[in-house]
């Protein structure tokens, strides 16, 4: 499969985003500007959260280049 076709197939139904720190990623199609990338302890992938009153809503899983599979610890 050509690279361009693989990218289109793998990102179908996903939204592209960049973080304030310059990371690039994909998330659910309903992701919005202002959603927060969160890495839960033990998780293999980051998640997007959205501020909702005094708490947060889980928007969905994401792929963030440089933040996958424990690449960031802290």
N, C-alpha and C. Protein backbone atom coordinates (compact mmCIF):
# COMPACT_ATOMS: atom_id res chain seq x y z
N UNK A 1 0.86 -1.17 0.00
CA UNK A 1 0.00 0.00 0.00
C UNK A 1 0.91 1.24 0.00
N UNK A 2 0.69 2.17 -0.92
CA UNK A 2 1.49 3.40 -0.93
C UNK A 2 1.31 4.19 0.37
N UNK A 3 2.35 4.92 0.75
CA UNK A 3 2.35 5.68 2.00
C UNK A 3 1.13 6.59 2.12
N UNK A 4 0.85 7.37 1.09
CA UNK A 4 -0.28 8.32 1.14
C UNK A 4 -1.59 7.59 1.39
N UNK A 5 -1.80 6.46 0.74
CA UNK A 5 -3.02 5.68 0.94
C UNK A 5 -3.08 5.12 2.36
N UNK A 6 -1.94 4.69 2.89
CA UNK A 6 -1.91 4.15 4.25
C UNK A 6 -2.27 5.23 5.27
N UNK A 7 -1.77 6.44 5.06
CA UNK A 7 -2.09 7.55 5.96
C UNK A 7 -3.58 7.86 5.90
N UNK A 8 -4.15 7.93 4.71
CA UNK A 8 -5.58 8.20 4.58
C UNK A 8 -6.40 7.10 5.24
N UNK A 9 -6.03 5.85 5.04
CA UNK A 9 -6.77 4.73 5.62
C UNK A 9 -6.66 4.75 7.14
N UNK A 10 -5.46 4.98 7.66
CA UNK A 10 -5.23 4.93 9.10
C UNK A 10 -5.81 6.11 9.86
N UNK A 11 -6.08 7.20 9.18
CA UNK A 11 -6.61 8.39 9.86
C UNK A 11 -8.07 8.67 9.52
N UNK A 12 -8.71 7.76 8.82
CA UNK A 12 -10.11 7.96 8.45
C UNK A 12 -10.96 8.11 9.70
N UNK A 13 -11.77 9.15 9.74
CA UNK A 13 -12.64 9.39 10.88
C UNK A 13 -11.94 9.99 12.08
N UNK A 14 -10.70 10.41 11.93
CA UNK A 14 -9.93 11.00 13.03
C UNK A 14 -9.69 12.48 12.74
N UNK A 15 -9.48 13.26 13.77
CA UNK A 15 -9.13 14.67 13.59
C UNK A 15 -7.65 14.86 13.90
N UNK A 16 -7.03 15.75 13.17
CA UNK A 16 -5.62 16.07 13.38
C UNK A 16 -5.53 17.25 14.34
N UNK A 17 -4.54 17.23 15.25
CA UNK A 17 -4.35 18.37 16.14
C UNK A 17 -2.87 18.55 16.46
N UNK A 18 -2.54 19.72 16.93
CA UNK A 18 -1.22 19.99 17.48
C UNK A 18 -1.41 20.54 18.89
N UNK A 19 -0.44 20.27 19.75
CA UNK A 19 -0.52 20.76 21.12
C UNK A 19 0.25 22.08 21.24
N UNK A 20 0.07 22.76 22.35
CA UNK A 20 0.80 24.00 22.60
C UNK A 20 2.31 23.75 22.66
N UNK A 21 2.71 22.51 22.98
CA UNK A 21 4.13 22.16 23.05
C UNK A 21 4.68 21.69 21.70
N UNK A 22 3.84 21.66 20.67
CA UNK A 22 4.29 21.31 19.33
C UNK A 22 4.13 19.85 18.95
N UNK A 23 3.54 19.02 19.80
CA UNK A 23 3.29 17.63 19.44
C UNK A 23 2.16 17.56 18.42
N UNK A 24 2.22 16.58 17.53
CA UNK A 24 1.16 16.36 16.55
C UNK A 24 0.43 15.07 16.90
N UNK A 25 -0.88 15.05 16.68
CA UNK A 25 -1.62 13.85 16.99
C UNK A 25 -2.94 13.76 16.26
N UNK A 26 -3.61 12.64 16.48
CA UNK A 26 -4.96 12.44 15.95
C UNK A 26 -5.85 12.03 17.11
N UNK A 27 -7.11 12.39 16.99
CA UNK A 27 -8.07 12.06 18.02
C UNK A 27 -9.44 11.85 17.42
N UNK A 28 -10.45 11.72 18.25
CA UNK A 28 -11.81 11.52 17.75
C UNK A 28 -12.24 12.70 16.87
N UNK A 29 -13.17 12.47 15.96
CA UNK A 29 -13.59 13.55 15.05
C UNK A 29 -14.24 14.72 15.78
N UNK A 30 -14.71 14.51 16.99
CA UNK A 30 -15.38 15.57 17.75
C UNK A 30 -14.43 16.26 18.73
N UNK A 31 -13.12 16.04 18.59
CA UNK A 31 -12.14 16.76 19.42
C UNK A 31 -12.24 18.25 19.12
N UNK A 32 -12.00 19.07 20.15
CA UNK A 32 -12.12 20.52 20.00
C UNK A 32 -10.85 21.21 20.50
N UNK A 33 -10.66 22.42 19.98
CA UNK A 33 -9.58 23.27 20.49
C UNK A 33 -9.80 23.47 21.99
N UNK A 34 -8.76 23.29 22.77
CA UNK A 34 -8.88 23.42 24.22
C UNK A 34 -8.96 22.09 24.95
N UNK A 35 -9.20 20.99 24.23
CA UNK A 35 -9.16 19.68 24.87
C UNK A 35 -7.75 19.44 25.41
N UNK A 36 -7.66 18.65 26.45
CA UNK A 36 -6.39 18.42 27.14
C UNK A 36 -5.91 17.00 26.87
N UNK A 37 -4.63 16.87 26.52
CA UNK A 37 -4.02 15.55 26.36
C UNK A 37 -3.59 15.06 27.74
N UNK A 38 -4.03 13.86 28.09
CA UNK A 38 -3.75 13.30 29.41
C UNK A 38 -3.21 11.88 29.25
N UNK A 39 -2.18 11.57 30.00
CA UNK A 39 -1.63 10.22 29.99
C UNK A 39 -1.88 9.61 31.37
N UNK A 40 -2.77 8.64 31.42
CA UNK A 40 -3.08 7.97 32.68
C UNK A 40 -2.01 6.94 33.00
N UNK A 41 -1.66 6.81 34.26
CA UNK A 41 -0.65 5.85 34.67
C UNK A 41 -1.05 4.45 34.21
N UNK A 42 -0.13 3.78 33.54
CA UNK A 42 -0.35 2.42 33.06
C UNK A 42 -1.01 2.33 31.69
N UNK A 43 -1.49 3.47 31.16
CA UNK A 43 -2.14 3.46 29.84
C UNK A 43 -1.09 3.40 28.74
N UNK A 44 -1.44 2.77 27.63
CA UNK A 44 -0.54 2.65 26.49
C UNK A 44 -0.67 3.82 25.53
N UNK A 45 -1.71 4.64 25.73
CA UNK A 45 -1.94 5.76 24.82
C UNK A 45 -2.49 6.94 25.59
N UNK A 46 -2.31 8.15 25.06
CA UNK A 46 -2.90 9.32 25.69
C UNK A 46 -4.39 9.42 25.40
N UNK A 47 -5.08 10.17 26.23
CA UNK A 47 -6.51 10.41 26.06
C UNK A 47 -6.75 11.91 25.99
N UNK A 48 -7.85 12.30 25.38
CA UNK A 48 -8.26 13.69 25.35
C UNK A 48 -9.35 13.89 26.39
N UNK A 49 -9.21 14.94 27.19
CA UNK A 49 -10.20 15.32 28.19
C UNK A 49 -10.70 16.72 27.87
N UNK A 50 -11.93 17.02 28.26
CA UNK A 50 -12.52 18.34 28.05
C UNK A 50 -13.05 18.87 29.36
N UNK A 51 -12.65 20.09 29.71
CA UNK A 51 -13.13 20.74 30.94
C UNK A 51 -14.64 20.86 30.89
N UNK A 52 -15.29 20.47 31.99
CA UNK A 52 -16.75 20.52 32.10
C UNK A 52 -17.10 20.93 33.52
N UNK A 53 -17.34 22.21 33.71
CA UNK A 53 -17.61 22.69 35.06
C UNK A 53 -16.39 22.52 35.93
N UNK A 54 -16.55 21.81 37.03
CA UNK A 54 -15.43 21.57 37.95
C UNK A 54 -14.70 20.27 37.66
N UNK A 55 -15.12 19.54 36.64
CA UNK A 55 -14.48 18.27 36.30
C UNK A 55 -14.10 18.22 34.83
N UNK A 56 -13.89 17.01 34.35
CA UNK A 56 -13.49 16.78 32.96
C UNK A 56 -14.33 15.66 32.38
N UNK A 57 -14.57 15.75 31.07
CA UNK A 57 -15.22 14.68 30.31
C UNK A 57 -14.16 13.94 29.51
N UNK A 58 -14.30 12.64 29.39
CA UNK A 58 -13.40 11.85 28.55
C UNK A 58 -13.87 11.99 27.12
N UNK A 59 -13.05 12.60 26.27
CA UNK A 59 -13.38 12.79 24.86
C UNK A 59 -13.08 11.51 24.09
N UNK A 60 -11.93 10.90 24.36
CA UNK A 60 -11.58 9.65 23.69
C UNK A 60 -10.08 9.43 23.64
N UNK A 61 -9.69 8.32 23.06
CA UNK A 61 -8.27 7.99 22.95
C UNK A 61 -7.65 8.80 21.83
N UNK A 62 -6.34 8.94 21.90
CA UNK A 62 -5.64 9.69 20.86
C UNK A 62 -4.30 9.03 20.56
N UNK A 63 -3.73 9.46 19.47
CA UNK A 63 -2.36 9.10 19.11
C UNK A 63 -1.59 10.41 19.08
N UNK A 64 -0.52 10.50 19.85
CA UNK A 64 0.31 11.70 19.86
C UNK A 64 1.75 11.28 19.65
N UNK A 65 2.31 11.70 18.53
CA UNK A 65 3.68 11.34 18.20
C UNK A 65 4.62 11.83 19.30
N UNK A 66 5.37 10.93 19.90
CA UNK A 66 6.30 11.26 20.98
C UNK A 66 5.74 11.03 22.37
N UNK A 67 4.45 10.68 22.46
CA UNK A 67 3.83 10.44 23.77
C UNK A 67 3.22 9.04 23.88
N UNK A 68 3.64 8.13 23.04
CA UNK A 68 3.05 6.80 23.01
C UNK A 68 3.91 5.80 23.79
N UNK A 69 3.25 4.78 24.36
CA UNK A 69 3.92 3.65 25.00
C UNK A 69 4.98 4.06 26.01
N UNK A 70 4.66 5.02 26.87
CA UNK A 70 5.58 5.40 27.93
C UNK A 70 6.77 6.21 27.48
N UNK A 71 6.69 6.86 26.31
CA UNK A 71 7.82 7.66 25.83
C UNK A 71 8.07 8.87 26.74
N UNK A 72 7.04 9.28 27.47
CA UNK A 72 7.18 10.40 28.40
C UNK A 72 6.88 9.89 29.80
N UNK A 73 7.74 10.16 30.72
CA UNK A 73 7.54 9.78 32.12
C UNK A 73 7.57 11.05 32.95
N UNK A 74 6.79 11.06 34.03
CA UNK A 74 6.91 12.23 34.87
C UNK A 74 5.78 12.48 35.76
